[in-house]
Amino acid sequence: MEIILRDAERLKKIDGIVTNDKIYQEFLKYSSEVKKGEKEKNEIAFKNSYKPIKQRDENRNTQLIQKDNNTLDRQELNILYELGTMMFFNSLLLSQLD
């Protein structure tokens, strides 16, 4: 998976397939609702959980914009792909145990 995540051409193809899928849009809605719920529970802890990402962006002199997006950034997409890969291999493992 790490090799694929470093291959810009493959990622471009995967991104196109994933981001145009209905499930992806449903995931974004779900993700947004979870973030909103976590922020409402404990705003300070929620903000602290994003500090490493914020610091990374500030170190790159990136202007941060706080708003809801209909897309995920590269880091978030990579996490999504890694989790999907792990779930796929776990399902293969479980199917062999039966």
Protein backbone atom coordinates (compact mmCIF):
# COMPACT_ATOMS: atom_id res chain seq x y z
CA MET A 1 0.00 0.00 0.00
CA GLU A 2 2.84 2.39 0.78
CA ILE A 3 4.27 1.90 -2.72
CA ILE A 4 0.91 2.79 -4.25
CA LEU A 5 0.55 5.85 -1.99
CA ARG A 6 3.87 7.15 -3.36
CA ASP A 7 2.87 6.65 -7.01
CA ALA A 8 1.21 9.87 -8.19
CA GLU A 9 -0.29 8.35 -11.35
CA ARG A 10 -1.91 5.43 -9.52
CA LEU A 11 -3.18 7.74 -6.79
CA LYS A 12 -4.76 10.03 -9.38
CA LYS A 13 -6.69 7.08 -10.85
CA ILE A 14 -7.72 5.79 -7.41
CA ASP A 15 -8.75 9.27 -6.25
CA GLY A 16 -10.98 9.67 -9.32
CA ILE A 17 -12.72 6.37 -8.71
CA VAL A 18 -13.12 6.88 -4.96
CA THR A 19 -14.22 10.51 -4.92
CA ASN A 20 -16.84 9.96 -7.61
CA ASP A 21 -18.46 7.08 -5.75
CA LYS A 22 -21.74 7.52 -3.82
CA ILE A 23 -20.28 5.76 -0.78
CA TYR A 24 -17.52 8.38 -0.59
CA GLN A 25 -20.08 11.19 -0.42
CA GLU A 26 -21.93 9.31 2.34
CA PHE A 27 -18.63 8.86 4.17
CA LEU A 28 -17.96 12.60 3.98
CA LYS A 29 -21.37 13.33 5.51
CA TYR A 30 -20.75 10.79 8.27
CA SER A 31 -17.23 12.13 8.89
CA SER A 32 -18.53 15.68 9.13
CA GLU A 33 -21.24 14.67 11.62
CA VAL A 34 -18.70 12.80 13.77
CA LYS A 35 -16.36 15.81 13.80
CA LYS A 36 -19.24 18.09 14.72
CA GLY A 37 -20.33 15.75 17.55
CA GLU A 38 -16.81 15.45 18.92
CA LYS A 39 -16.37 19.22 18.84
CA GLU A 40 -19.67 19.74 20.69
CA LYS A 41 -18.67 17.18 23.36
CA ASN A 42 -15.34 18.78 24.19
CA GLU A 43 -14.17 21.62 21.98
CA ILE A 44 -10.76 21.97 23.65
CA ALA A 45 -9.90 18.27 23.27
CA PHE A 46 -11.19 18.36 19.70
CA LYS A 47 -8.96 21.31 18.78
CA ASN A 48 -5.97 19.72 20.51
CA SER A 49 -6.44 16.55 18.44
CA TYR A 50 -5.86 18.61 15.29
CA LYS A 51 -2.78 20.48 16.55
CA PRO A 52 -0.20 18.25 14.78
CA ILE A 53 -1.96 18.79 11.43
CA LYS A 54 -2.34 22.51 12.06
CA GLN A 55 1.32 22.86 13.04
CA ARG A 56 2.41 20.95 9.92
CA ASP A 57 0.39 23.30 7.74
CA GLU A 58 1.62 26.41 9.56
CA ASN A 59 5.20 25.25 9.14
CA ARG A 60 4.60 25.17 5.38
CA ASN A 61 3.23 28.74 5.60
CA THR A 62 -0.16 27.46 4.52
CA GLN A 63 -3.11 29.66 5.29
CA LEU A 64 -5.59 27.59 7.26
CA ILE A 65 -9.25 27.88 6.36
CA GLN A 66 -11.75 26.50 8.87
CA LYS A 67 -14.77 25.32 6.91
CA ASP A 68 -16.55 22.14 5.93
CA ASN A 69 -15.20 20.69 2.70
CA ASN A 70 -16.70 18.18 0.30
CA THR A 71 -13.29 16.60 -0.17
CA LEU A 72 -10.55 15.13 1.95
CA ASP A 73 -6.95 16.27 1.75
CA ARG A 74 -4.13 13.97 0.67
CA GLN A 75 -3.29 12.85 4.21
CA GLU A 76 -6.93 12.01 4.97
CA LEU A 77 -7.35 10.11 1.69
CA ASN A 78 -4.18 8.12 2.40
CA ILE A 79 -5.51 7.17 5.83
CA LEU A 80 -8.81 6.12 4.25
CA TYR A 81 -6.96 3.96 1.69
CA GLU A 82 -4.75 2.35 4.34
CA LEU A 83 -7.75 1.51 6.51
CA GLY A 84 -9.60 0.11 3.51
CA THR A 85 -6.61 -2.06 2.65
CA MET A 86 -6.39 -3.38 6.21
CA MET A 87 -10.11 -4.15 6.24
CA PHE A 88 -9.79 -5.98 2.92
CA PHE A 89 -6.93 -8.17 4.12
CA ASN A 90 -8.68 -8.81 7.42
CA SER A 91 -11.77 -10.02 5.54
CA LEU A 92 -9.55 -12.33 3.47
CA LEU A 93 -8.01 -13.72 6.64
CA LEU A 94 -11.42 -14.26 8.23
CA SER A 95 -12.73 -16.01 5.11
CA GLN A 96 -9.85 -18.49 5.33
CA LEU A 97 -10.64 -19.31 8.97
CA ASP A 98 -14.10 -20.63 8.13
